[in-house]
Amino acid sequence: MSAIVGFHAPTSSPSLGTRTLVLGSRTYQPVTDVDDVVSRSTVAFGAMPVALRAESLGAVRRPLETTRATLLALAAEPDTEVVMFVARDPTTKMPTEGIAGIQNLLANRGIPFRVVSSPFPSRVCALITEFSGRTERAKKALPGYRQQMMTQKVLELAAKVVDERDSYASKLEAGKSFMVGDPAMDAKYGNWIRIYTNLCDALEQAKCLLHAPMVVK
């Protein structure tokens, strides 16, 4: 399925009186990017991290699986903006399949939409999303063997997160004095800081699991 990609733009606060419809790729990171577009009139679709984040900030969330007709109806109304937070598949380098399908659906109906592309590499998006998801599921699991097995999976994945974090720590150290003042390099360095910070935050959220005693038989 080919992807129809709208214009790329940084996040911005919605105009007064505009309703914003928010959708996101399953692996979009950092989810805090959605903060800038959420208002009391925002409607988020689906159960992806971006939609859950928007809901936590006051947006109304609707399950996309049963409300595509609602999405199309709302998107076609005046003073409505559709914003898509798009991550790319690590293998194909194209927008992830689900969000690409929605892009095609809107484009075929002539409904405009704005694309916010993840500033993080696709592998980092996928890694943070998987690690954070496994962490939350392990935290919510009832104590016992299944929770121990889920925690073990978190521990295994944590090693990859630590490796990625250390890789960006090395980049930050090596690049701290390189081409200072060059706009492109300054922007790249700033993005490295964001990636490093988000990797650290993901590990911090899992701290209670990473330091828990494990007895898996």
Protein backbone atom coordinates (compact mmCIF):
# COMPACT_ATOMS: atom_id res chain seq x y z
CA MET A 1 0.00 0.00 0.00
CA SER A 2 1.45 3.29 -1.02
CA ALA A 3 1.43 6.08 1.50
CA ILE A 4 -0.12 9.46 0.83
CA VAL A 5 1.84 11.91 2.91
CA GLY A 6 0.52 15.38 3.66
CA PHE A 7 2.77 18.36 4.24
CA HIS A 8 5.25 18.08 7.07
CA ALA A 9 5.20 20.71 9.76
CA PRO A 10 6.24 21.12 13.35
CA THR A 11 3.54 20.79 15.96
CA SER A 12 1.66 23.98 16.73
CA SER A 13 -1.20 24.96 18.98
CA PRO A 14 -4.64 24.71 17.36
CA SER A 15 -6.33 27.92 16.28
CA LEU A 16 -9.15 29.21 18.45
CA GLY A 17 -12.41 27.58 17.36
CA THR A 18 -10.71 24.78 15.41
CA ARG A 19 -11.41 21.16 16.28
CA THR A 20 -8.35 18.95 16.00
CA LEU A 21 -8.54 15.24 15.13
CA VAL A 22 -5.44 13.35 16.25
CA LEU A 23 -4.15 10.03 14.95
CA GLY A 24 -0.77 8.40 15.38
CA SER A 25 1.40 5.53 14.26
CA ARG A 26 1.71 2.71 16.79
CA THR A 27 5.41 3.45 17.28
CA TYR A 28 5.42 7.27 17.14
CA GLN A 29 7.92 8.81 19.57
CA PRO A 30 8.16 11.05 21.47
CA VAL A 31 4.48 10.95 22.41
CA THR A 32 4.84 14.30 24.18
CA ASP A 33 4.84 15.94 20.72
CA VAL A 34 1.05 15.65 20.80
CA ASP A 35 0.87 18.04 23.77
CA ASP A 36 1.08 21.09 21.53
CA VAL A 37 -2.07 20.25 19.53
CA VAL A 38 -4.39 19.09 22.31
CA SER A 39 -7.22 21.37 23.40
CA ARG A 40 -10.68 20.88 24.88
CA SER A 41 -12.03 20.33 21.37
CA THR A 42 -9.51 17.63 20.40
CA VAL A 43 -10.71 14.17 19.41
CA ALA A 44 -8.12 11.37 19.37
CA PHE A 45 -8.70 8.10 17.54
CA GLY A 46 -7.44 4.62 18.33
CA ALA A 47 -5.53 3.04 21.20
CA MET A 48 -2.01 3.97 20.15
CA PRO A 49 0.31 5.77 22.59
CA VAL A 50 -0.29 9.14 20.90
CA ALA A 51 -4.07 8.80 21.35
CA LEU A 52 -3.70 7.69 24.97
CA ARG A 53 -1.41 10.64 25.64
CA ALA A 54 -3.93 13.03 24.10
CA GLU A 55 -6.70 11.52 26.23
CA SER A 56 -4.62 12.00 29.38
CA LEU A 57 -4.43 15.71 28.50
CA GLY A 58 -8.19 16.09 28.14
CA ALA A 59 -8.97 14.95 24.58
CA VAL A 60 -11.95 12.73 23.85
CA ARG A 61 -10.72 9.35 22.60
CA ARG A 62 -12.66 7.08 20.30
CA PRO A 63 -11.73 3.53 19.21
CA LEU A 64 -10.73 3.84 15.56
CA GLU A 65 -11.76 0.29 14.72
CA THR A 66 -15.46 1.12 15.14
CA THR A 67 -15.51 4.80 14.19
CA ARG A 68 -13.84 5.27 10.81
CA ALA A 69 -17.15 6.64 9.54
CA THR A 70 -17.13 9.08 12.45
CA LEU A 71 -13.55 10.10 11.61
CA LEU A 72 -14.50 10.83 7.99
CA ALA A 73 -17.62 12.73 9.01
CA LEU A 74 -15.80 14.88 11.55
CA ALA A 75 -12.81 15.46 9.25
CA ALA A 76 -15.08 16.82 6.53
CA GLU A 77 -16.66 19.43 8.81
CA PRO A 78 -15.59 23.12 8.65
CA ASP A 79 -12.93 24.39 11.05
CA THR A 80 -11.50 20.91 11.54
CA GLU A 81 -7.84 19.97 11.25
CA VAL A 82 -6.59 16.39 11.00
CA VAL A 83 -3.10 15.91 12.46
CA MET A 84 -1.23 12.65 11.96
CA PHE A 85 1.83 11.75 14.02
CA VAL A 86 3.73 9.46 11.68
CA ALA A 87 6.55 7.04 12.42
CA ARG A 88 8.23 4.93 9.77
CA ASP A 89 8.58 1.19 9.63
CA PRO A 90 12.21 0.22 10.45
CA THR A 91 12.27 -2.24 7.52
CA THR A 92 10.40 -0.47 4.71
CA LYS A 93 11.22 3.10 5.81
CA MET A 94 7.65 3.98 4.85
CA PRO A 95 4.90 5.20 7.17
CA THR A 96 3.62 2.32 9.28
CA GLU A 97 0.86 0.35 7.54
CA GLY A 98 -2.10 1.41 9.67
CA ILE A 99 -1.49 5.14 9.42
CA ALA A 100 -0.67 4.82 5.71
CA GLY A 101 -4.09 3.25 5.17
CA ILE A 102 -5.81 6.15 6.92
CA GLN A 103 -3.80 8.64 4.86
CA ASN A 104 -5.04 6.94 1.70
CA LEU A 105 -8.61 6.92 3.01
CA LEU A 106 -8.58 10.66 3.70
CA ALA A 107 -6.78 11.50 0.46
CA ASN A 108 -9.30 9.52 -1.59
CA ARG A 109 -12.08 11.60 0.00
CA GLY A 110 -10.21 14.84 -0.69
CA ILE A 111 -9.82 15.57 3.03
CA PRO A 112 -6.60 17.49 3.85
CA PHE A 113 -4.41 16.47 6.75
CA ARG A 114 -1.20 17.61 8.38
CA VAL A 115 1.67 15.20 8.96
CA VAL A 116 4.06 15.48 11.89
CA SER A 117 6.93 13.09 11.21
CA SER A 118 8.78 11.60 14.15
CA PRO A 119 12.15 13.29 14.70
CA PHE A 120 13.54 9.97 15.98
CA PRO A 121 15.02 7.16 13.85
CA SER A 122 12.49 4.40 13.21
CA ARG A 123 14.46 1.81 15.20
CA VAL A 124 14.51 4.12 18.24
CA CYS A 125 10.76 4.72 17.94
CA ALA A 126 10.12 0.97 17.79
CA LEU A 127 12.48 0.23 20.69
CA ILE A 128 11.05 2.85 23.07
CA THR A 129 7.47 1.89 22.20
CA GLU A 130 8.02 -1.83 22.74
CA PHE A 131 10.00 -1.32 25.94
CA SER A 132 7.50 1.14 27.43
CA GLY A 133 4.57 -1.10 26.50
CA ARG A 134 6.14 -4.19 28.04
CA THR A 135 7.04 -2.20 31.15
CA GLU A 136 3.47 -1.00 31.67
CA ARG A 137 2.01 -4.47 31.13
CA ALA A 138 4.46 -6.02 33.60
CA LYS A 139 3.65 -3.37 36.20
CA LYS A 140 -0.09 -4.03 35.90
CA ALA A 141 0.18 -7.83 35.96
CA LEU A 142 -0.88 -9.70 39.08
CA PRO A 143 2.05 -10.95 41.19
CA GLY A 144 3.11 -14.46 40.30
CA TYR A 145 4.80 -16.50 37.61
CA ARG A 146 3.33 -14.60 34.64
CA GLN A 147 4.48 -11.27 36.03
CA GLN A 148 7.94 -12.72 36.57
CA MET A 149 8.07 -13.90 32.96
CA MET A 150 6.88 -10.50 31.72
CA THR A 151 9.49 -8.79 33.87
CA GLN A 152 12.16 -11.08 32.43
CA LYS A 153 11.21 -9.87 28.93
CA VAL A 154 11.54 -6.28 30.13
CA LEU A 155 15.02 -7.04 31.50
CA GLU A 156 16.11 -8.57 28.20
CA LEU A 157 14.85 -5.59 26.22
CA ALA A 158 16.38 -3.16 28.73
CA ALA A 159 19.83 -4.28 27.60
CA LYS A 160 19.06 -2.99 24.09
CA VAL A 161 17.73 0.29 25.48
CA VAL A 162 20.90 0.73 27.55
CA ASP A 163 23.06 0.04 24.47
CA GLU A 164 21.11 2.64 22.46
CA ARG A 165 21.32 5.15 25.31
CA ASP A 166 25.08 4.66 25.62
CA SER A 167 25.45 5.06 21.85
CA TYR A 168 23.76 8.47 22.00
CA ALA A 169 25.78 9.42 25.06
CA SER A 170 28.90 8.81 22.95
CA LYS A 171 27.48 10.88 20.08
CA LEU A 172 26.75 13.75 22.46
CA GLU A 173 30.23 13.66 23.89
CA ALA A 174 31.92 13.47 20.48
CA GLY A 175 29.75 16.17 18.92
CA LYS A 176 29.57 18.72 21.73
CA SER A 177 32.17 21.00 20.15
CA PHE A 178 31.68 20.05 16.48
CA MET A 179 30.35 22.78 14.15
CA VAL A 180 28.86 24.78 17.02
CA GLY A 181 26.71 27.57 15.59
CA ASP A 182 25.86 25.69 12.40
CA PRO A 183 22.02 25.58 12.34
CA ALA A 184 21.79 22.08 10.87
CA MET A 185 24.32 20.61 13.28
CA ASP A 186 22.81 22.42 16.25
CA ALA A 187 19.40 20.96 15.35
CA LYS A 188 20.85 17.46 14.98
CA TYR A 189 22.63 17.76 18.31
CA GLY A 190 19.43 18.96 19.97
CA ASN A 191 17.58 15.94 18.59
CA TRP A 192 20.29 13.62 19.94
CA ILE A 193 19.64 15.15 23.37
CA ARG A 194 15.90 14.46 23.03
CA ILE A 195 16.54 10.85 22.02
CA TYR A 196 19.00 10.31 24.86
CA THR A 197 16.56 11.87 27.35
CA ASN A 198 13.65 9.71 26.17
CA LEU A 199 15.75 6.55 26.41
CA CYS A 200 16.73 7.53 29.96
CA ASP A 201 13.10 8.26 30.82
CA ALA A 202 12.01 4.84 29.54
CA LEU A 203 14.60 3.15 31.75
CA GLU A 204 13.54 5.29 34.71
CA GLN A 205 9.92 4.18 34.27
CA ALA A 206 11.08 0.56 34.42
CA LYS A 207 13.36 1.05 37.42
CA CYS A 208 11.06 -0.78 39.85
CA LEU A 209 11.16 -3.82 37.57
CA LEU A 210 14.83 -3.66 36.66
CA HIS A 211 15.90 -3.75 40.29
CA ALA A 212 13.35 -6.30 41.47
CA PRO A 213 14.60 -9.75 42.53
CA MET A 214 13.84 -12.36 39.89
CA VAL A 215 12.97 -15.95 40.67
CA VAL A 216 11.75 -17.56 37.45
CA LYS A 217 11.44 -21.34 37.35
